[in-house]
PDB file of N, CA and C in Angstrom:
ATOM      1  N   UNK A   1       3.965   3.601 -32.305  1.00  0.00           N
ATOM      2  CA  UNK A   1       4.638   2.467 -31.725  1.00  0.00           C
ATOM      3  C   UNK A   1       5.869   2.913 -30.940  1.00  0.00           C
ATOM      4  N   UNK A   2       6.607   3.848 -31.509  1.00  0.00           N
ATOM      5  CA  UNK A   2       7.814   4.333 -30.861  1.00  0.00           C
ATOM      6  C   UNK A   2       7.477   5.083 -29.573  1.00  0.00           C
ATOM      7  N   UNK A   3       6.379   5.829 -29.548  1.00  0.00           N
ATOM      8  CA  UNK A   3       5.964   6.565 -28.355  1.00  0.00           C
ATOM      9  C   UNK A   3       5.585   5.590 -27.234  1.00  0.00           C
ATOM     10  N   UNK A   4       4.938   4.489 -27.593  1.00  0.00           N
ATOM     11  CA  UNK A   4       4.555   3.483 -26.597  1.00  0.00           C
ATOM     12  C   UNK A   4       5.801   2.863 -25.969  1.00  0.00           C
ATOM     13  N   UNK A   5       6.810   2.634 -26.754  1.00  0.00           N
ATOM     14  CA  UNK A   5       8.062   2.056 -26.252  1.00  0.00           C
ATOM     15  C   UNK A   5       8.753   3.016 -25.292  1.00  0.00           C
ATOM     16  N   UNK A   6       8.780   4.279 -25.638  1.00  0.00           N
ATOM     17  CA  UNK A   6       9.373   5.294 -24.759  1.00  0.00           C
ATOM     18  C   UNK A   6       8.581   5.394 -23.464  1.00  0.00           C
ATOM     19  N   UNK A   7       7.255   5.330 -23.538  1.00  0.00           N
ATOM     20  CA  UNK A   7       6.414   5.385 -22.348  1.00  0.00           C
ATOM     21  C   UNK A   7       6.668   4.173 -21.443  1.00  0.00           C
ATOM     22  N   UNK A   8       6.849   2.983 -22.027  1.00  0.00           N
ATOM     23  CA  UNK A   8       7.153   1.796 -21.227  1.00  0.00           C
ATOM     24  C   UNK A   8       8.489   1.945 -20.525  1.00  0.00           C
ATOM     25  N   UNK A   9       9.485   2.459 -21.209  1.00  0.00           N
ATOM     26  CA  UNK A   9      10.808   2.639 -20.615  1.00  0.00           C
ATOM     27  C   UNK A   9      10.732   3.635 -19.459  1.00  0.00           C
ATOM     28  N   UNK A  10      10.016   4.722 -19.652  1.00  0.00           N
ATOM     29  CA  UNK A  10       9.866   5.720 -18.588  1.00  0.00           C
ATOM     30  C   UNK A  10       9.121   5.123 -17.397  1.00  0.00           C
ATOM     31  N   UNK A  11       8.076   4.345 -17.653  1.00  0.00           N
ATOM     32  CA  UNK A  11       7.310   3.727 -16.568  1.00  0.00           C
ATOM     33  C   UNK A  11       8.163   2.725 -15.785  1.00  0.00           C
ATOM     34  N   UNK A  12       8.939   1.926 -16.486  1.00  0.00           N
ATOM     35  CA  UNK A  12       9.800   0.945 -15.807  1.00  0.00           C
ATOM     36  C   UNK A  12      10.868   1.657 -14.991  1.00  0.00           C
ATOM     37  N   UNK A  13      11.496   2.656 -15.555  1.00  0.00           N
ATOM     38  CA  UNK A  13      12.529   3.404 -14.845  1.00  0.00           C
ATOM     39  C   UNK A  13      11.957   4.100 -13.612  1.00  0.00           C
ATOM     40  N   UNK A  14      10.783   4.711 -13.759  1.00  0.00           N
ATOM     41  CA  UNK A  14      10.138   5.380 -12.633  1.00  0.00           C
ATOM     42  C   UNK A  14       9.781   4.388 -11.527  1.00  0.00           C
ATOM     43  N   UNK A  15       9.271   3.228 -11.911  1.00  0.00           N
ATOM     44  CA  UNK A  15       8.914   2.205 -10.927  1.00  0.00           C
ATOM     45  C   UNK A  15      10.139   1.702 -10.174  1.00  0.00           C
ATOM     46  N   UNK A  16      11.210   1.441 -10.893  1.00  0.00           N
ATOM     47  CA  UNK A  16      12.437   0.986 -10.243  1.00  0.00           C
ATOM     48  C   UNK A  16      13.007   2.041  -9.305  1.00  0.00           C
ATOM     49  N   UNK A  17      12.953   3.286  -9.712  1.00  0.00           N
ATOM     50  CA  UNK A  17      13.435   4.369  -8.866  1.00  0.00           C
ATOM     51  C   UNK A  17      12.606   4.466  -7.601  1.00  0.00           C
ATOM     52  N   UNK A  18      11.283   4.408  -7.736  1.00  0.00           N
ATOM     53  CA  UNK A  18      10.392   4.479  -6.570  1.00  0.00           C
ATOM     54  C   UNK A  18      10.643   3.312  -5.623  1.00  0.00           C
ATOM     55  N   UNK A  19      10.782   2.098  -6.163  1.00  0.00           N
ATOM     56  CA  UNK A  19      11.020   0.932  -5.316  1.00  0.00           C
ATOM     57  C   UNK A  19      12.374   1.021  -4.616  1.00  0.00           C
ATOM     58  N   UNK A  20      13.379   1.525  -5.293  1.00  0.00           N
ATOM     59  CA  UNK A  20      14.707   1.669  -4.690  1.00  0.00           C
ATOM     60  C   UNK A  20      14.678   2.672  -3.539  1.00  0.00           C
ATOM     61  N   UNK A  21      14.054   3.805  -3.757  1.00  0.00           N
ATOM     62  CA  UNK A  21      13.970   4.827  -2.710  1.00  0.00           C
ATOM     63  C   UNK A  21      13.158   4.305  -1.529  1.00  0.00           C
ATOM     64  N   UNK A  22      12.069   3.632  -1.814  1.00  0.00           N
ATOM     65  CA  UNK A  22      11.236   3.069  -0.754  1.00  0.00           C
ATOM     66  C   UNK A  22      12.006   2.027   0.055  1.00  0.00           C
ATOM     67  N   UNK A  23      12.740   1.149  -0.608  1.00  0.00           N
ATOM     68  CA  UNK A  23      13.532   0.139   0.082  1.00  0.00           C
ATOM     69  C   UNK A  23      14.596   0.778   0.958  1.00  0.00           C
ATOM     70  N   UNK A  24      15.333   1.744   0.429  1.00  0.00           N
ATOM     71  CA  UNK A  24      16.397   2.383   1.198  1.00  0.00           C
ATOM     72  C   UNK A  24      15.849   3.145   2.395  1.00  0.00           C
ATOM     73  N   UNK A  25      14.702   3.784   2.237  1.00  0.00           N
ATOM     74  CA  UNK A  25      14.096   4.501   3.354  1.00  0.00           C
ATOM     75  C   UNK A  25      13.712   3.520   4.453  1.00  0.00           C
ATOM     76  N   UNK A  26      13.145   2.388   4.073  1.00  0.00           N
ATOM     77  CA  UNK A  26      12.750   1.380   5.047  1.00  0.00           C
ATOM     78  C   UNK A  26      13.968   0.709   5.675  1.00  0.00           C
ATOM     79  N   UNK A  27      14.963   0.380   4.869  1.00  0.00           N
ATOM     80  CA  UNK A  27      16.162  -0.308   5.346  1.00  0.00           C
ATOM     81  C   UNK A  27      16.936   0.561   6.337  1.00  0.00           C
ATOM     82  N   UNK A  28      16.968   1.854   6.113  1.00  0.00           N
ATOM     83  CA  UNK A  28      17.731   2.765   6.958  1.00  0.00           C
ATOM     84  C   UNK A  28      16.902   3.424   8.047  1.00  0.00           C
ATOM     85  N   UNK A  29      15.694   2.922   8.299  1.00  0.00           N
ATOM     86  CA  UNK A  29      14.901   3.486   9.385  1.00  0.00           C
ATOM     87  C   UNK A  29      15.541   3.110  10.715  1.00  0.00           C
ATOM     88  N   UNK A  30      15.329   3.937  11.715  1.00  0.00           N
ATOM     89  CA  UNK A  30      15.952   3.729  13.023  1.00  0.00           C
ATOM     90  C   UNK A  30      15.549   2.387  13.630  1.00  0.00           C
ATOM     91  N   UNK A  31      14.307   1.984  13.453  1.00  0.00           N
ATOM     92  CA  UNK A  31      13.838   0.715  14.009  1.00  0.00           C
ATOM     93  C   UNK A  31      14.568  -0.472  13.387  1.00  0.00           C
ATOM     94  N   UNK A  32      14.736  -0.457  12.080  1.00  0.00           N
ATOM     95  CA  UNK A  32      15.416  -1.564  11.405  1.00  0.00           C
ATOM     96  C   UNK A  32      16.908  -1.601  11.721  1.00  0.00           C
ATOM     97  N   UNK A  33      17.525  -0.450  11.860  1.00  0.00           N
ATOM     98  CA  UNK A  33      18.931  -0.407  12.244  1.00  0.00           C
ATOM     99  C   UNK A  33      19.089  -1.013  13.631  1.00  0.00           C
ATOM    100  N   UNK A  34      18.194  -0.645  14.540  1.00  0.00           N
ATOM    101  CA  UNK A  34      18.258  -1.177  15.904  1.00  0.00           C
ATOM    102  C   UNK A  34      18.064  -2.698  15.910  1.00  0.00           C
ATOM    103  N   UNK A  35      17.124  -3.204  15.124  1.00  0.00           N
ATOM    104  CA  UNK A  35      16.896  -4.652  15.055  1.00  0.00           C
ATOM    105  C   UNK A  35      18.129  -5.378  14.521  1.00  0.00           C
ATOM    106  N   UNK A  36      18.746  -4.829  13.465  1.00  0.00           N
ATOM    107  CA  UNK A  36      19.946  -5.461  12.905  1.00  0.00           C
ATOM    108  C   UNK A  36      21.089  -5.463  13.910  1.00  0.00           C
ATOM    109  N   UNK A  37      21.262  -4.363  14.651  1.00  0.00           N
ATOM    110  CA  UNK A  37      22.339  -4.290  15.633  1.00  0.00           C
ATOM    111  C   UNK A  37      22.086  -5.249  16.792  1.00  0.00           C
ATOM    112  N   UNK A  38      20.857  -5.359  17.236  1.00  0.00           N
ATOM    113  CA  UNK A  38      20.533  -6.279  18.327  1.00  0.00           C
ATOM    114  C   UNK A  38      20.817  -7.713  17.899  1.00  0.00           C
ATOM    115  N   UNK A  39      20.394  -8.092  16.705  1.00  0.00           N
ATOM    116  CA  UNK A  39      20.646  -9.445  16.234  1.00  0.00           C
ATOM    117  C   UNK A  39      22.138  -9.712  16.052  1.00  0.00           C
ATOM    118  N   UNK A  40      22.866  -8.698  15.599  1.00  0.00           N
ATOM    119  CA  UNK A  40      24.290  -8.860  15.339  1.00  0.00           C
ATOM    120  C   UNK A  40      25.074  -9.094  16.628  1.00  0.00           C
ATOM    121  N   UNK A  41      24.702  -8.406  17.708  1.00  0.00           N
ATOM    122  CA  UNK A  41      25.470  -8.476  18.946  1.00  0.00           C
ATOM    123  C   UNK A  41      24.764  -9.249  20.053  1.00  0.00           C
ATOM    124  N   UNK A  42      23.678  -9.917  19.724  1.00  0.00           N
ATOM    125  CA  UNK A  42      22.948 -10.687  20.724  1.00  0.00           C
ATOM    126  C   UNK A  42      23.795 -11.837  21.276  1.00  0.00           C
ATOM    127  N   UNK A  43      24.599 -12.433  20.449  1.00  0.00           N
ATOM    128  CA  UNK A  43      25.429 -13.557  20.890  1.00  0.00           C
ATOM    129  C   UNK A  43      26.473 -13.117  21.909  1.00  0.00           C
ATOM    130  N   UNK A  44      26.874 -11.842  21.900  1.00  0.00           N
ATOM    131  CA  UNK A  44      27.851 -11.347  22.864  1.00  0.00           C
ATOM    132  C   UNK A  44      27.283 -11.291  24.278  1.00  0.00           C
ATOM    133  N   UNK A  45      25.965 -11.232  24.397  1.00  0.00           N
ATOM    134  CA  UNK A  45      25.340 -11.077  25.699  1.00  0.00           C
ATOM    135  C   UNK A  45      24.927 -12.398  26.343  1.00  0.00           C
ATOM    136  N   UNK A  46      25.247 -13.516  25.720  1.00  0.00           N
ATOM    137  CA  UNK A  46      24.936 -14.797  26.344  1.00  0.00           C
ATOM    138  C   UNK A  46      26.031 -15.119  27.356  1.00  0.00           C
ATOM    139  N   UNK A  47      25.620 -15.462  28.552  1.00  0.00           N
ATOM    140  CA  UNK A  47      26.565 -15.687  29.644  1.00  0.00           C
ATOM    141  C   UNK A  47      26.987 -17.147  29.668  1.00  0.00           C
ATOM    142  N   UNK A  48      28.283 -17.352  29.573  1.00  0.00           N
ATOM    143  CA  UNK A  48      28.847 -18.680  29.725  1.00  0.00           C
ATOM    144  C   UNK A  48      29.130 -18.876  31.214  1.00  0.00           C
ATOM    145  N   UNK A  49      28.696 -19.967  31.788  1.00  0.00           N
ATOM    146  CA  UNK A  49      28.824 -20.186  33.225  1.00  0.00           C
ATOM    147  C   UNK A  49      30.272 -20.333  33.673  1.00  0.00           C
ATOM    148  N   UNK A  50      31.174 -20.592  32.759  1.00  0.00           N
ATOM    149  CA  UNK A  50      32.577 -20.798  33.110  1.00  0.00           C
ATOM    150  C   UNK A  50      33.387 -19.497  33.153  1.00  0.00           C
ATOM    151  N   UNK A  51      32.799 -18.371  32.773  1.00  0.00           N
ATOM    152  CA  UNK A  51      33.546 -17.114  32.759  1.00  0.00           C
ATOM    153  C   UNK A  51      33.515 -16.475  34.141  1.00  0.00           C
ATOM    154  N   UNK A  52      34.594 -15.804  34.472  1.00  0.00           N
ATOM    155  CA  UNK A  52      34.673 -15.114  35.763  1.00  0.00           C
ATOM    156  C   UNK A  52      33.882 -13.815  35.696  1.00  0.00           C
ATOM    157  N   UNK A  53      33.658 -13.241  36.865  1.00  0.00           N
ATOM    158  CA  UNK A  53      32.892 -12.001  36.954  1.00  0.00           C
ATOM    159  C   UNK A  53      33.599 -10.860  36.218  1.00  0.00           C
ATOM    160  N   UNK A  54      34.912 -10.770  36.375  1.00  0.00           N
ATOM    161  CA  UNK A  54      35.675  -9.707  35.720  1.00  0.00           C
ATOM    162  C   UNK A  54      35.664  -9.870  34.199  1.00  0.00           C
ATOM    163  N   UNK A  55      35.839 -11.110  33.755  1.00  0.00           N
ATOM    164  CA  UNK A  55      35.827 -11.378  32.312  1.00  0.00           C
ATOM    165  C   UNK A  55      34.442 -11.099  31.729  1.00  0.00           C
ATOM    166  N   UNK A  56      33.393 -11.462  32.460  1.00  0.00           N
ATOM    167  CA  UNK A  56      32.030 -11.212  32.001  1.00  0.00           C
ATOM    168  C   UNK A  56      31.767  -9.716  31.876  1.00  0.00           C
ATOM    169  N   UNK A  57      32.271  -8.919  32.837  1.00  0.00           N
ATOM    170  CA  UNK A  57      32.103  -7.464  32.755  1.00  0.00           C
ATOM    171  C   UNK A  57      32.826  -6.895  31.539  1.00  0.00           C
ATOM    172  N   UNK A  58      34.000  -7.420  31.220  1.00  0.00           N
ATOM    173  CA  UNK A  58      34.726  -6.965  30.027  1.00  0.00           C
ATOM    174  C   UNK A  58      33.967  -7.330  28.751  1.00  0.00           C
ATOM    175  N   UNK A  59      33.388  -8.522  28.727  1.00  0.00           N
ATOM    176  CA  UNK A  59      32.601  -8.948  27.558  1.00  0.00           C
ATOM    177  C   UNK A  59      31.397  -8.037  27.380  1.00  0.00           C
ATOM    178  N   UNK A  60      30.718  -7.708  28.476  1.00  0.00           N
ATOM    179  CA  UNK A  60      29.556  -6.819  28.394  1.00  0.00           C
ATOM    180  C   UNK A  60      29.940  -5.418  27.945  1.00  0.00           C
ATOM    181  N   UNK A  61      31.066  -4.898  28.447  1.00  0.00           N
ATOM    182  CA  UNK A  61      31.529  -3.572  28.018  1.00  0.00           C
ATOM    183  C   UNK A  61      31.858  -3.551  26.531  1.00  0.00           C
ATOM    184  N   UNK A  62      32.539  -4.578  26.062  1.00  0.00           N
ATOM    185  CA  UNK A  62      32.887  -4.660  24.642  1.00  0.00           C
ATOM    186  C   UNK A  62      31.632  -4.770  23.776  1.00  0.00           C
ATOM    187  N   UNK A  63      30.688  -5.623  24.183  1.00  0.00           N
ATOM    188  CA  UNK A  63      29.449  -5.778  23.420  1.00  0.00           C
ATOM    189  C   UNK A  63      28.651  -4.478  23.418  1.00  0.00           C
ATOM    190  N   UNK A  64      28.619  -3.789  24.554  1.00  0.00           N
ATOM    191  CA  UNK A  64      27.899  -2.519  24.640  1.00  0.00           C
ATOM    192  C   UNK A  64      28.531  -1.478  23.726  1.00  0.00           C
ATOM    193  N   UNK A  65      29.858  -1.401  23.719  1.00  0.00           N
ATOM    194  CA  UNK A  65      30.553  -0.451  22.841  1.00  0.00           C
ATOM    195  C   UNK A  65      30.308  -0.784  21.366  1.00  0.00           C
ATOM    196  N   UNK A  66      30.344  -2.063  21.016  1.00  0.00           N
ATOM    197  CA  UNK A  66      30.088  -2.462  19.632  1.00  0.00           C
ATOM    198  C   UNK A  66      28.653  -2.148  19.221  1.00  0.00           C
ATOM    199  N   UNK A  67      27.709  -2.327  20.126  1.00  0.00           N
ATOM    200  CA  UNK A  67      26.311  -2.014  19.830  1.00  0.00           C
ATOM    201  C   UNK A  67      26.140  -0.521  19.594  1.00  0.00           C
ATOM    202  N   UNK A  68      26.738   0.290  20.450  1.00  0.00           N
ATOM    203  CA  UNK A  68      26.639   1.744  20.278  1.00  0.00           C
ATOM    204  C   UNK A  68      27.275   2.183  18.967  1.00  0.00           C
ATOM    205  N   UNK A  69      28.402   1.566  18.608  1.00  0.00           N
ATOM    206  CA  UNK A  69      29.053   1.888  17.336  1.00  0.00           C
ATOM    207  C   UNK A  69      28.156   1.505  16.160  1.00  0.00           C
ATOM    208  N   UNK A  70      27.521   0.346  16.251  1.00  0.00           N
ATOM    209  CA  UNK A  70      26.610  -0.117  15.196  1.00  0.00           C
ATOM    210  C   UNK A  70      25.431   0.845  15.034  1.00  0.00           C
ATOM    211  N   UNK A  71      24.925   1.334  16.152  1.00  0.00           N
ATOM    212  CA  UNK A  71      23.785   2.258  16.120  1.00  0.00           C
ATOM    213  C   UNK A  71      24.182   3.657  15.648  1.00  0.00           C
ATOM    214  N   UNK A  72      25.475   3.936  15.611  1.00  0.00           N
ATOM    215  CA  UNK A  72      25.942   5.246  15.176  1.00  0.00           C
ATOM    216  C   UNK A  72      25.931   6.279  16.292  1.00  0.00           C
ATOM    217  N   UNK A  73      25.914   5.816  17.539  1.00  0.00           N
ATOM    218  CA  UNK A  73      25.915   6.710  18.692  1.00  0.00           C
ATOM    219  C   UNK A  73      27.368   6.935  19.091  1.00  0.00           C
ATOM    220  N   UNK A  74      27.802   8.197  19.178  1.00  0.00           N
ATOM    221  CA  UNK A  74      29.198   8.452  19.537  1.00  0.00           C
ATOM    222  C   UNK A  74      29.484   7.976  20.959  1.00  0.00           C
ATOM    223  N   UNK A  75      30.648   7.391  21.132  1.00  0.00           N
ATOM    224  CA  UNK A  75      31.056   6.874  22.439  1.00  0.00           C
ATOM    225  C   UNK A  75      32.283   7.630  22.893  1.00  0.00           C
ATOM    226  N   UNK A  76      32.222   8.191  24.076  1.00  0.00           N
ATOM    227  CA  UNK A  76      33.341   8.977  24.594  1.00  0.00           C
ATOM    228  C   UNK A  76      34.051   8.243  25.676  1.00  0.00           C
TER     229      UNK A  76
END
C-alpha cells in the first residue's frame, strides 16, 4: 500500500513537471511572443484623423520602439 502511494506521488509530480515545462516552452516561443507584442501595441497604430502628420510620426516611432523592446530586439 505504501509503495502504491509513493508511485502515485511520483506520477503526479512528474506529470506536473512535464506540463509546466511544456507550457513554458510554448508560452515563450517566438511566435507567441510576437503575437502578444502585436496585440499589446496594436492600439498605438490606430490613426486618429485629428492628429497632425508630425504627431502621427512621433506616435509611430514610439510604438515601433515599444514593439521592438517587447520583442527583445536591441534598439540603438
